[in-house]
Amino acid sequence: MKTFKLVPIFLLLILTSCSTVSVYSDYDKNVDFTPYKTYAFFKPGIDKVEISDLDKRRILRAIDEQMLAKGFTKSDNPDVLVNIFTKAREQVNVNQFSAGWGYGWGWGWNPYMMYGGQTTVSTSTEGTLYIDLIDAKKKEMIWQGEGIGTLTKNVDKKDEKVTEFVSKILAQYPPLKK
């Protein structure tokens, strides 16, 4: 009876772990973030990012939306410069399933298992998006956010995935003083 209660929780954990973006941030603890009100994109850095122009535009559009929602204004004479950097790596997942036919309890070799086993191999791409905020006057990085999650090649879901990455990363800005 107890195992039936745990199955929905286990399935929920699996489903939520597949769709989440893990986020982290780091910042200069000596910086007061309250005076920063305007931003611009750091074009030399963004031009070096090795992703498609379509994906760059998706990311920059999502950053624009989040920065405007935080009360920032885009400016030719900004307080902060926004830069991005991306990384991707291929994940290979191998799953072996055995029906567990046989008799008896405990561990050990079971000659019947070889007939009930199944192996599946799947691949996915894990992407990392870094968003850097640079003090425009000092030319020093003051904050960096990082989001790690599974990417999609489905064109209809790319905007949604990019928005999820950017919104979760920028939710950590400005950092809370402890």
N, C-alpha and C. Protein backbone atom coordinates (compact mmCIF):
# COMPACT_ATOMS: atom_id res chain seq x y z
N MET A 1 0.81 -1.19 0.00
CA MET A 1 0.00 0.00 0.00
C MET A 1 0.86 1.26 0.00
N LYS A 2 1.94 1.24 0.78
CA LYS A 2 2.82 2.40 0.85
C LYS A 2 3.50 2.69 -0.48
N THR A 3 3.82 1.64 -1.23
CA THR A 3 4.50 1.87 -2.51
C THR A 3 3.59 2.60 -3.48
N PHE A 4 2.28 2.37 -3.42
CA PHE A 4 1.37 3.08 -4.32
C PHE A 4 1.30 4.56 -3.99
N LYS A 5 1.49 4.93 -2.73
CA LYS A 5 1.51 6.34 -2.34
C LYS A 5 2.78 7.02 -2.82
N LEU A 6 3.88 6.28 -2.91
CA LEU A 6 5.15 6.85 -3.32
C LEU A 6 5.28 6.99 -4.83
N VAL A 7 4.56 6.19 -5.59
CA VAL A 7 4.66 6.23 -7.06
C VAL A 7 4.32 7.61 -7.62
N PRO A 8 3.19 8.25 -7.23
CA PRO A 8 2.91 9.59 -7.77
C PRO A 8 3.98 10.61 -7.41
N ILE A 9 4.52 10.52 -6.22
CA ILE A 9 5.58 11.46 -5.82
C ILE A 9 6.82 11.23 -6.67
N PHE A 10 7.17 9.97 -6.89
CA PHE A 10 8.34 9.64 -7.71
C PHE A 10 8.15 10.15 -9.13
N LEU A 11 6.96 9.93 -9.71
CA LEU A 11 6.68 10.40 -11.07
C LEU A 11 6.73 11.92 -11.13
N LEU A 12 6.21 12.61 -10.13
CA LEU A 12 6.26 14.06 -10.10
C LEU A 12 7.70 14.56 -10.07
N LEU A 13 8.55 13.91 -9.28
CA LEU A 13 9.96 14.29 -9.22
C LEU A 13 10.64 14.10 -10.57
N ILE A 14 10.32 13.01 -11.25
CA ILE A 14 10.91 12.76 -12.57
C ILE A 14 10.46 13.83 -13.56
N LEU A 15 9.18 14.12 -13.57
CA LEU A 15 8.66 15.10 -14.53
C LEU A 15 9.20 16.50 -14.26
N THR A 16 9.29 16.90 -12.98
CA THR A 16 9.79 18.24 -12.70
C THR A 16 11.28 18.33 -12.92
N SER A 17 12.02 17.25 -12.71
CA SER A 17 13.46 17.31 -12.93
C SER A 17 13.79 17.42 -14.41
N CYS A 18 12.92 16.93 -15.28
CA CYS A 18 13.17 17.00 -16.71
C CYS A 18 12.95 18.40 -17.27
N SER A 19 12.13 19.20 -16.61
CA SER A 19 11.76 20.48 -17.19
C SER A 19 12.41 21.67 -16.48
N THR A 20 13.24 21.44 -15.51
CA THR A 20 13.76 22.56 -14.75
C THR A 20 15.10 23.03 -15.26
N VAL A 21 15.38 24.26 -14.92
CA VAL A 21 16.67 24.87 -15.20
C VAL A 21 17.31 25.14 -13.84
N SER A 22 18.51 24.65 -13.63
CA SER A 22 19.23 24.93 -12.40
C SER A 22 19.96 26.26 -12.57
N VAL A 23 19.83 27.13 -11.58
CA VAL A 23 20.45 28.44 -11.68
C VAL A 23 21.39 28.71 -10.51
N TYR A 24 22.40 29.48 -10.82
CA TYR A 24 23.41 29.88 -9.83
C TYR A 24 23.80 31.32 -10.15
N SER A 25 24.29 32.02 -9.16
CA SER A 25 24.80 33.36 -9.43
C SER A 25 25.97 33.67 -8.51
N ASP A 26 26.76 34.62 -8.96
CA ASP A 26 27.90 35.09 -8.20
C ASP A 26 27.99 36.59 -8.40
N TYR A 27 28.52 37.30 -7.43
CA TYR A 27 28.57 38.75 -7.55
C TYR A 27 29.67 39.32 -6.67
N ASP A 28 30.02 40.56 -6.96
CA ASP A 28 31.00 41.29 -6.17
C ASP A 28 30.29 41.83 -4.94
N LYS A 29 30.66 41.37 -3.78
CA LYS A 29 30.00 41.76 -2.53
C LYS A 29 30.26 43.21 -2.13
N ASN A 30 31.22 43.85 -2.78
CA ASN A 30 31.53 45.25 -2.46
C ASN A 30 30.75 46.24 -3.32
N VAL A 31 29.89 45.73 -4.20
CA VAL A 31 29.16 46.59 -5.11
C VAL A 31 27.77 46.88 -4.58
N ASP A 32 27.37 48.16 -4.67
CA ASP A 32 26.01 48.57 -4.36
C ASP A 32 25.24 48.55 -5.69
N PHE A 33 24.24 47.69 -5.81
CA PHE A 33 23.54 47.51 -7.07
C PHE A 33 22.39 48.50 -7.28
N THR A 34 22.06 49.28 -6.26
CA THR A 34 20.91 50.19 -6.38
C THR A 34 21.08 51.30 -7.41
N PRO A 35 22.28 51.85 -7.67
CA PRO A 35 22.36 52.94 -8.65
C PRO A 35 22.22 52.48 -10.12
N TYR A 36 22.31 51.20 -10.38
CA TYR A 36 22.24 50.72 -11.76
C TYR A 36 20.80 50.75 -12.25
N LYS A 37 20.56 51.57 -13.27
CA LYS A 37 19.20 51.73 -13.79
C LYS A 37 19.11 51.57 -15.31
N THR A 38 20.25 51.67 -16.01
CA THR A 38 20.24 51.57 -17.48
C THR A 38 21.18 50.47 -17.92
N TYR A 39 20.92 49.94 -19.12
CA TYR A 39 21.74 48.84 -19.63
C TYR A 39 21.85 48.92 -21.15
N ALA A 40 22.83 48.22 -21.65
CA ALA A 40 23.00 48.00 -23.09
C ALA A 40 23.69 46.66 -23.24
N PHE A 41 23.58 46.07 -24.42
CA PHE A 41 24.26 44.81 -24.67
C PHE A 41 25.71 45.06 -25.05
N PHE A 42 26.61 44.18 -24.60
CA PHE A 42 28.03 44.27 -24.90
C PHE A 42 28.27 43.56 -26.22
N LYS A 43 28.15 44.30 -27.31
CA LYS A 43 28.19 43.73 -28.65
C LYS A 43 29.45 42.92 -28.96
N PRO A 44 30.67 43.41 -28.60
CA PRO A 44 31.86 42.59 -28.91
C PRO A 44 31.83 41.20 -28.28
N GLY A 45 31.29 41.09 -27.08
CA GLY A 45 31.20 39.78 -26.41
C GLY A 45 30.10 38.92 -27.01
N ILE A 46 28.97 39.52 -27.30
CA ILE A 46 27.84 38.77 -27.85
C ILE A 46 28.15 38.27 -29.25
N ASP A 47 28.91 39.05 -30.03
CA ASP A 47 29.28 38.61 -31.39
C ASP A 47 30.14 37.35 -31.37
N LYS A 48 30.86 37.10 -30.27
CA LYS A 48 31.73 35.93 -30.17
C LYS A 48 30.99 34.65 -29.78
N VAL A 49 29.75 34.78 -29.34
CA VAL A 49 28.98 33.61 -28.90
C VAL A 49 28.69 32.73 -30.10
N GLU A 50 29.02 31.45 -29.98
CA GLU A 50 28.91 30.51 -31.10
C GLU A 50 27.60 29.75 -31.07
N ILE A 51 26.52 30.49 -31.30
CA ILE A 51 25.19 29.89 -31.48
C ILE A 51 24.56 30.58 -32.68
N SER A 52 23.44 30.07 -33.14
CA SER A 52 22.80 30.66 -34.31
C SER A 52 22.30 32.07 -33.99
N ASP A 53 22.23 32.88 -35.03
CA ASP A 53 21.72 34.24 -34.84
C ASP A 53 20.27 34.22 -34.34
N LEU A 54 19.51 33.21 -34.74
CA LEU A 54 18.13 33.10 -34.27
C LEU A 54 18.08 32.88 -32.75
N ASP A 55 18.94 31.99 -32.26
CA ASP A 55 18.98 31.75 -30.82
C ASP A 55 19.51 32.97 -30.07
N LYS A 56 20.49 33.67 -30.64
CA LYS A 56 20.98 34.90 -30.01
C LYS A 56 19.85 35.90 -29.85
N ARG A 57 19.07 36.09 -30.92
CA ARG A 57 17.96 37.04 -30.85
C ARG A 57 16.94 36.61 -29.81
N ARG A 58 16.68 35.31 -29.71
CA ARG A 58 15.75 34.82 -28.69
C ARG A 58 16.25 35.19 -27.28
N ILE A 59 17.53 34.94 -27.05
CA ILE A 59 18.11 35.22 -25.73
C ILE A 59 18.08 36.72 -25.43
N LEU A 60 18.50 37.53 -26.39
CA LEU A 60 18.55 38.98 -26.17
C LEU A 60 17.15 39.55 -25.96
N ARG A 61 16.18 39.04 -26.70
CA ARG A 61 14.79 39.50 -26.54
C ARG A 61 14.28 39.15 -25.14
N ALA A 62 14.60 37.94 -24.67
CA ALA A 62 14.17 37.53 -23.33
C ALA A 62 14.87 38.37 -22.25
N ILE A 63 16.14 38.68 -22.47
CA ILE A 63 16.86 39.54 -21.51
C ILE A 63 16.24 40.93 -21.49
N ASP A 64 15.93 41.47 -22.68
CA ASP A 64 15.25 42.78 -22.74
C ASP A 64 13.98 42.77 -21.90
N GLU A 65 13.15 41.76 -22.08
CA GLU A 65 11.88 41.67 -21.35
C GLU A 65 12.11 41.65 -19.83
N GLN A 66 13.08 40.84 -19.40
CA GLN A 66 13.34 40.73 -17.96
C GLN A 66 13.95 42.01 -17.37
N MET A 67 14.86 42.63 -18.12
CA MET A 67 15.48 43.86 -17.62
C MET A 67 14.45 44.98 -17.53
N LEU A 68 13.58 45.09 -18.52
CA LEU A 68 12.52 46.10 -18.48
C LEU A 68 11.57 45.83 -17.32
N ALA A 69 11.27 44.56 -17.06
CA ALA A 69 10.41 44.21 -15.94
C ALA A 69 11.04 44.56 -14.60
N LYS A 70 12.36 44.58 -14.54
CA LYS A 70 13.07 44.94 -13.32
C LYS A 70 13.24 46.45 -13.17
N GLY A 71 12.73 47.21 -14.15
CA GLY A 71 12.79 48.67 -14.06
C GLY A 71 13.98 49.29 -14.76
N PHE A 72 14.76 48.50 -15.49
CA PHE A 72 15.89 49.02 -16.25
C PHE A 72 15.40 49.69 -17.53
N THR A 73 16.21 50.60 -18.04
CA THR A 73 15.94 51.25 -19.32
C THR A 73 17.14 51.01 -20.23
N LYS A 74 16.86 50.68 -21.49
CA LYS A 74 17.94 50.51 -22.46
C LYS A 74 18.50 51.88 -22.80
N SER A 75 19.85 51.98 -22.90
CA SER A 75 20.47 53.29 -23.07
C SER A 75 21.73 53.20 -23.93
N ASP A 76 22.05 54.31 -24.60
CA ASP A 76 23.33 54.42 -25.33
C ASP A 76 24.47 54.74 -24.37
N ASN A 77 24.14 55.23 -23.18
CA ASN A 77 25.12 55.55 -22.16
C ASN A 77 24.73 54.77 -20.89
N PRO A 78 24.93 53.44 -20.90
CA PRO A 78 24.39 52.59 -19.84
C PRO A 78 25.23 52.57 -18.57
N ASP A 79 24.55 52.17 -17.50
CA ASP A 79 25.24 51.91 -16.22
C ASP A 79 25.90 50.53 -16.26
N VAL A 80 25.20 49.56 -16.86
CA VAL A 80 25.73 48.19 -16.96
C VAL A 80 25.66 47.70 -18.40
N LEU A 81 26.63 46.86 -18.73
CA LEU A 81 26.65 46.18 -20.02
C LEU A 81 26.27 44.73 -19.77
N VAL A 82 25.45 44.19 -20.65
CA VAL A 82 25.00 42.81 -20.53
C VAL A 82 25.72 41.97 -21.58
N ASN A 83 26.36 40.92 -21.12
CA ASN A 83 27.06 40.00 -22.02
C ASN A 83 26.50 38.60 -21.78
N ILE A 84 26.59 37.76 -22.81
CA ILE A 84 26.17 36.37 -22.67
C ILE A 84 27.27 35.45 -23.15
N PHE A 85 27.22 34.23 -22.66
CA PHE A 85 28.15 33.18 -23.07
C PHE A 85 27.38 31.88 -22.97
N THR A 86 27.62 30.95 -23.89
CA THR A 86 26.90 29.68 -23.86
C THR A 86 27.86 28.51 -23.98
N LYS A 87 27.44 27.38 -23.43
CA LYS A 87 28.14 26.11 -23.60
C LYS A 87 27.09 25.05 -23.79
N ALA A 88 27.46 24.00 -24.51
CA ALA A 88 26.54 22.86 -24.67
C ALA A 88 27.35 21.58 -24.64
N ARG A 89 26.71 20.53 -24.15
CA ARG A 89 27.35 19.21 -24.18
C ARG A 89 26.28 18.16 -24.36
N GLU A 90 26.68 17.11 -25.04
CA GLU A 90 25.76 16.02 -25.34
C GLU A 90 25.73 15.07 -24.15
N GLN A 91 24.52 14.72 -23.72
CA GLN A 91 24.33 13.76 -22.64
C GLN A 91 23.88 12.43 -23.26
N VAL A 92 24.49 11.34 -22.87
CA VAL A 92 24.07 10.02 -23.31
C VAL A 92 23.55 9.28 -22.09
N ASN A 93 22.31 8.82 -22.19
CA ASN A 93 21.68 8.11 -21.08
C ASN A 93 21.43 6.67 -21.49
N VAL A 94 21.96 5.73 -20.71
CA VAL A 94 21.76 4.31 -20.96
C VAL A 94 20.94 3.76 -19.81
N ASN A 95 19.81 3.18 -20.15
CA ASN A 95 18.92 2.60 -19.14
C ASN A 95 18.75 1.12 -19.41
N GLN A 96 18.94 0.32 -18.36
CA GLN A 96 18.74 -1.12 -18.47
C GLN A 96 17.56 -1.48 -17.59
N PHE A 97 16.65 -2.21 -18.18
CA PHE A 97 15.46 -2.64 -17.46
C PHE A 97 15.39 -4.15 -17.53
N SER A 98 15.15 -4.76 -16.40
CA SER A 98 15.00 -6.20 -16.36
C SER A 98 13.68 -6.50 -15.66
N ALA A 99 12.94 -7.40 -16.23
CA ALA A 99 11.64 -7.75 -15.66
C ALA A 99 11.77 -8.47 -14.33
N GLY A 100 12.94 -9.02 -14.04
CA GLY A 100 13.16 -9.66 -12.75
C GLY A 100 12.53 -11.04 -12.63
N TRP A 101 12.39 -11.73 -13.73
CA TRP A 101 11.81 -13.07 -13.66
C TRP A 101 12.77 -14.00 -12.94
N GLY A 102 12.26 -14.96 -12.32
CA GLY A 102 13.10 -15.92 -11.62
C GLY A 102 12.45 -16.30 -10.31
N TYR A 103 13.25 -16.83 -9.43
CA TYR A 103 12.70 -17.28 -8.18
C TYR A 103 13.67 -16.93 -7.07
N GLY A 104 13.17 -16.89 -5.87
CA GLY A 104 14.02 -16.67 -4.70
C GLY A 104 14.21 -15.20 -4.40
N TRP A 105 14.85 -14.96 -3.28
CA TRP A 105 15.11 -13.60 -2.80
C TRP A 105 16.59 -13.29 -2.90
N GLY A 106 16.92 -12.04 -2.85
CA GLY A 106 18.31 -11.62 -2.75
C GLY A 106 18.94 -11.34 -4.10
N TRP A 107 20.22 -11.06 -4.03
CA TRP A 107 20.99 -10.70 -5.21
C TRP A 107 21.70 -11.92 -5.76
N GLY A 108 22.07 -11.85 -6.99
CA GLY A 108 22.81 -12.94 -7.59
C GLY A 108 22.45 -13.10 -9.04
N TRP A 109 23.12 -14.01 -9.70
CA TRP A 109 22.89 -14.25 -11.12
C TRP A 109 21.61 -15.03 -11.29
N ASN A 110 20.81 -14.62 -12.26
CA ASN A 110 19.56 -15.31 -12.53
C ASN A 110 19.52 -15.62 -14.01
N PRO A 111 19.54 -16.88 -14.39
CA PRO A 111 19.58 -17.23 -15.82
C PRO A 111 18.36 -16.76 -16.58
N TYR A 112 17.24 -16.50 -15.91
CA TYR A 112 16.02 -16.08 -16.59
C TYR A 112 16.03 -14.59 -16.92
N MET A 113 16.88 -13.82 -16.28
CA MET A 113 16.93 -12.37 -16.49
C MET A 113 17.35 -12.01 -17.90
N MET A 114 18.18 -12.84 -18.52
CA MET A 114 18.67 -12.49 -19.85
C MET A 114 17.54 -12.47 -20.87
N TYR A 115 16.42 -13.09 -20.57
CA TYR A 115 15.31 -13.09 -21.52
C TYR A 115 14.37 -11.91 -21.30
N GLY A 116 14.42 -11.29 -20.14
CA GLY A 116 13.48 -10.21 -19.84
C GLY A 116 14.11 -8.83 -19.82
N GLY A 117 15.37 -8.71 -20.18
CA GLY A 117 16.05 -7.43 -20.09
C GLY A 117 15.87 -6.57 -21.33
N GLN A 118 16.00 -5.28 -21.14
CA GLN A 118 15.88 -4.34 -22.25
C GLN A 118 16.81 -3.17 -21.96
N THR A 119 17.55 -2.72 -22.98
CA THR A 119 18.44 -1.59 -22.83
C THR A 119 18.02 -0.51 -23.80
N THR A 120 17.91 0.71 -23.30
CA THR A 120 17.59 1.85 -24.17
C THR A 120 18.68 2.89 -24.03
N VAL A 121 18.99 3.53 -25.15
CA VAL A 121 19.98 4.59 -25.16
C VAL A 121 19.31 5.84 -25.72
N SER A 122 19.45 6.95 -25.02
CA SER A 122 18.90 8.22 -25.51
C SER A 122 19.94 9.31 -25.33
N THR A 123 19.83 10.32 -26.16
CA THR A 123 20.75 11.45 -26.04
C THR A 123 19.94 12.73 -25.88
N SER A 124 20.55 13.69 -25.21
CA SER A 124 19.96 15.02 -25.06
C SER A 124 21.11 16.01 -24.98
N THR A 125 20.80 17.26 -25.22
CA THR A 125 21.81 18.30 -25.15
C THR A 125 21.57 19.14 -23.91
N GLU A 126 22.59 19.24 -23.07
CA GLU A 126 22.52 20.07 -21.89
C GLU A 126 23.22 21.39 -22.21
N GLY A 127 22.51 22.48 -21.99
CA GLY A 127 23.07 23.78 -22.30
C GLY A 127 23.28 24.61 -21.05
N THR A 128 24.27 25.49 -21.12
CA THR A 128 24.54 26.43 -20.04
C THR A 128 24.53 27.83 -20.63
N LEU A 129 23.77 28.71 -20.02
CA LEU A 129 23.72 30.11 -20.42
C LEU A 129 24.26 30.94 -19.28
N TYR A 130 25.26 31.76 -19.58
CA TYR A 130 25.80 32.71 -18.62
C TYR A 130 25.33 34.09 -19.02
N ILE A 131 24.87 34.86 -18.05
CA ILE A 131 24.54 36.27 -18.27
C ILE A 131 25.43 37.08 -17.34
N ASP A 132 26.26 37.92 -17.94
CA ASP A 132 27.19 38.75 -17.17
C ASP A 132 26.71 40.19 -17.17
N LEU A 133 26.80 40.83 -16.01
CA LEU A 133 26.54 42.26 -15.92
C LEU A 133 27.86 42.94 -15.57
N ILE A 134 28.23 43.90 -16.40
CA ILE A 134 29.52 44.57 -16.30
C ILE A 134 29.29 46.04 -16.01
N ASP A 135 29.99 46.58 -15.01
CA ASP A 135 29.92 48.02 -14.74
C ASP A 135 30.50 48.74 -15.95
N ALA A 136 29.70 49.56 -16.59
CA ALA A 136 30.11 50.20 -17.85
C ALA A 136 31.26 51.19 -17.67
N LYS A 137 31.31 51.84 -16.54
CA LYS A 137 32.38 52.84 -16.32
C LYS A 137 33.70 52.17 -15.93
N LYS A 138 33.63 51.21 -15.01
CA LYS A 138 34.84 50.54 -14.52
C LYS A 138 35.29 49.39 -15.43
N LYS A 139 34.39 48.91 -16.30
CA LYS A 139 34.67 47.75 -17.16
C LYS A 139 35.01 46.52 -16.34
N GLU A 140 34.28 46.33 -15.23
CA GLU A 140 34.47 45.18 -14.35
C GLU A 140 33.16 44.41 -14.22
N MET A 141 33.26 43.08 -14.24
CA MET A 141 32.07 42.27 -14.02
C MET A 141 31.62 42.42 -12.58
N ILE A 142 30.33 42.67 -12.41
CA ILE A 142 29.80 42.84 -11.05
C ILE A 142 28.85 41.72 -10.65
N TRP A 143 28.30 41.04 -11.66
CA TRP A 143 27.33 39.96 -11.38
C TRP A 143 27.35 38.96 -12.53
N GLN A 144 27.21 37.68 -12.19
CA GLN A 144 27.11 36.65 -13.22
C GLN A 144 26.04 35.65 -12.80
N GLY A 145 25.14 35.37 -13.73
CA GLY A 145 24.12 34.35 -13.51
C GLY A 145 24.36 33.21 -14.48
N GLU A 146 24.05 32.01 -14.03
CA GLU A 146 24.27 30.81 -14.83
C GLU A 146 23.04 29.92 -14.76
N GLY A 147 22.59 29.46 -15.91
CA GLY A 147 21.46 28.53 -15.96
C GLY A 147 21.87 27.28 -16.73
N ILE A 148 21.54 26.12 -16.17
CA ILE A 148 21.88 24.84 -16.81
C ILE A 148 20.60 24.04 -16.96
N GLY A 149 20.37 23.54 -18.18
CA GLY A 149 19.17 22.75 -18.42
C GLY A 149 19.24 22.05 -19.76
N THR A 150 18.24 21.24 -20.00
CA THR A 150 18.17 20.49 -21.26
C THR A 150 17.62 21.39 -22.35
N LEU A 151 18.27 21.37 -23.50
CA LEU A 151 17.86 22.19 -24.64
C LEU A 151 16.89 21.41 -25.52
N THR A 152 16.18 22.12 -26.35
CA THR A 152 15.25 21.48 -27.27
C THR A 152 15.57 21.91 -28.70
N LYS A 153 15.30 21.02 -29.63
CA LYS A 153 15.45 21.37 -31.04
C LYS A 153 14.09 21.67 -31.65
N ASN A 154 13.05 21.53 -30.88
CA ASN A 154 11.69 21.81 -31.32
C ASN A 154 11.52 23.33 -31.43
N VAL A 155 11.35 23.82 -32.64
CA VAL A 155 11.26 25.26 -32.90
C VAL A 155 10.11 25.89 -32.13
N ASP A 156 9.01 25.19 -31.99
CA ASP A 156 7.85 25.74 -31.29
C ASP A 156 8.11 25.92 -29.79
N LYS A 157 9.07 25.18 -29.23
CA LYS A 157 9.32 25.26 -27.79
C LYS A 157 10.58 26.05 -27.45
N LYS A 158 11.36 26.48 -28.45
CA LYS A 158 12.61 27.18 -28.18
C LYS A 158 12.39 28.50 -27.44
N ASP A 159 11.41 29.30 -27.88
CA ASP A 159 11.14 30.58 -27.22
C ASP A 159 10.80 30.36 -25.75
N GLU A 160 9.97 29.36 -25.50
CA GLU A 160 9.56 29.04 -24.13
C GLU A 160 10.77 28.62 -23.28
N LYS A 161 11.63 27.80 -23.84
CA LYS A 161 12.80 27.31 -23.11
C LYS A 161 13.78 28.46 -22.82
N VAL A 162 14.02 29.31 -23.82
CA VAL A 162 14.93 30.45 -23.62
C VAL A 162 14.36 31.39 -22.57
N THR A 163 13.07 31.65 -22.61
CA THR A 163 12.44 32.52 -21.62
C THR A 163 12.58 31.93 -20.23
N GLU A 164 12.43 30.60 -20.12
CA GLU A 164 12.59 29.94 -18.82
C GLU A 164 14.02 30.12 -18.29
N PHE A 165 15.01 29.88 -19.16
CA PHE A 165 16.41 30.06 -18.76
C PHE A 165 16.64 31.48 -18.26
N VAL A 166 16.32 32.47 -19.09
CA VAL A 166 16.63 33.87 -18.79
C VAL A 166 15.87 34.35 -17.55
N SER A 167 14.58 34.04 -17.46
CA SER A 167 13.81 34.52 -16.32
C SER A 167 14.31 33.93 -15.00
N LYS A 168 14.68 32.66 -15.01
CA LYS A 168 15.18 32.05 -13.78
C LYS A 168 16.56 32.59 -13.40
N ILE A 169 17.38 32.85 -14.40
CA ILE A 169 18.70 33.42 -14.10
C ILE A 169 18.56 34.82 -13.53
N LEU A 170 17.83 35.68 -14.24
CA LEU A 170 17.72 37.08 -13.81
C LEU A 170 16.83 37.26 -12.58
N ALA A 171 16.11 36.22 -12.17
CA ALA A 171 15.35 36.30 -10.92
C ALA A 171 16.30 36.44 -9.73
N GLN A 172 17.56 36.09 -9.93
CA GLN A 172 18.54 36.18 -8.85
C GLN A 172 19.24 37.53 -8.81
N TYR A 173 18.84 38.44 -9.69
CA TYR A 173 19.40 39.79 -9.70
C TYR A 173 18.33 40.77 -9.26
N PRO A 174 18.64 41.75 -8.45
CA PRO A 174 19.91 41.98 -7.76
C PRO A 174 20.07 40.99 -6.60
N PRO A 175 21.31 40.73 -6.25
CA PRO A 175 21.55 39.78 -5.16
C PRO A 175 21.03 40.33 -3.84
N LEU A 176 20.57 39.44 -3.00
CA LEU A 176 20.08 39.84 -1.68
C LEU A 176 21.28 39.98 -0.75
N LYS A 177 21.36 41.11 -0.10
CA LYS A 177 22.45 41.33 0.87
C LYS A 177 22.15 40.54 2.13
N LYS A 178 23.16 39.85 2.64
CA LYS A 178 22.99 39.03 3.84
C LYS A 178 23.53 39.72 5.05
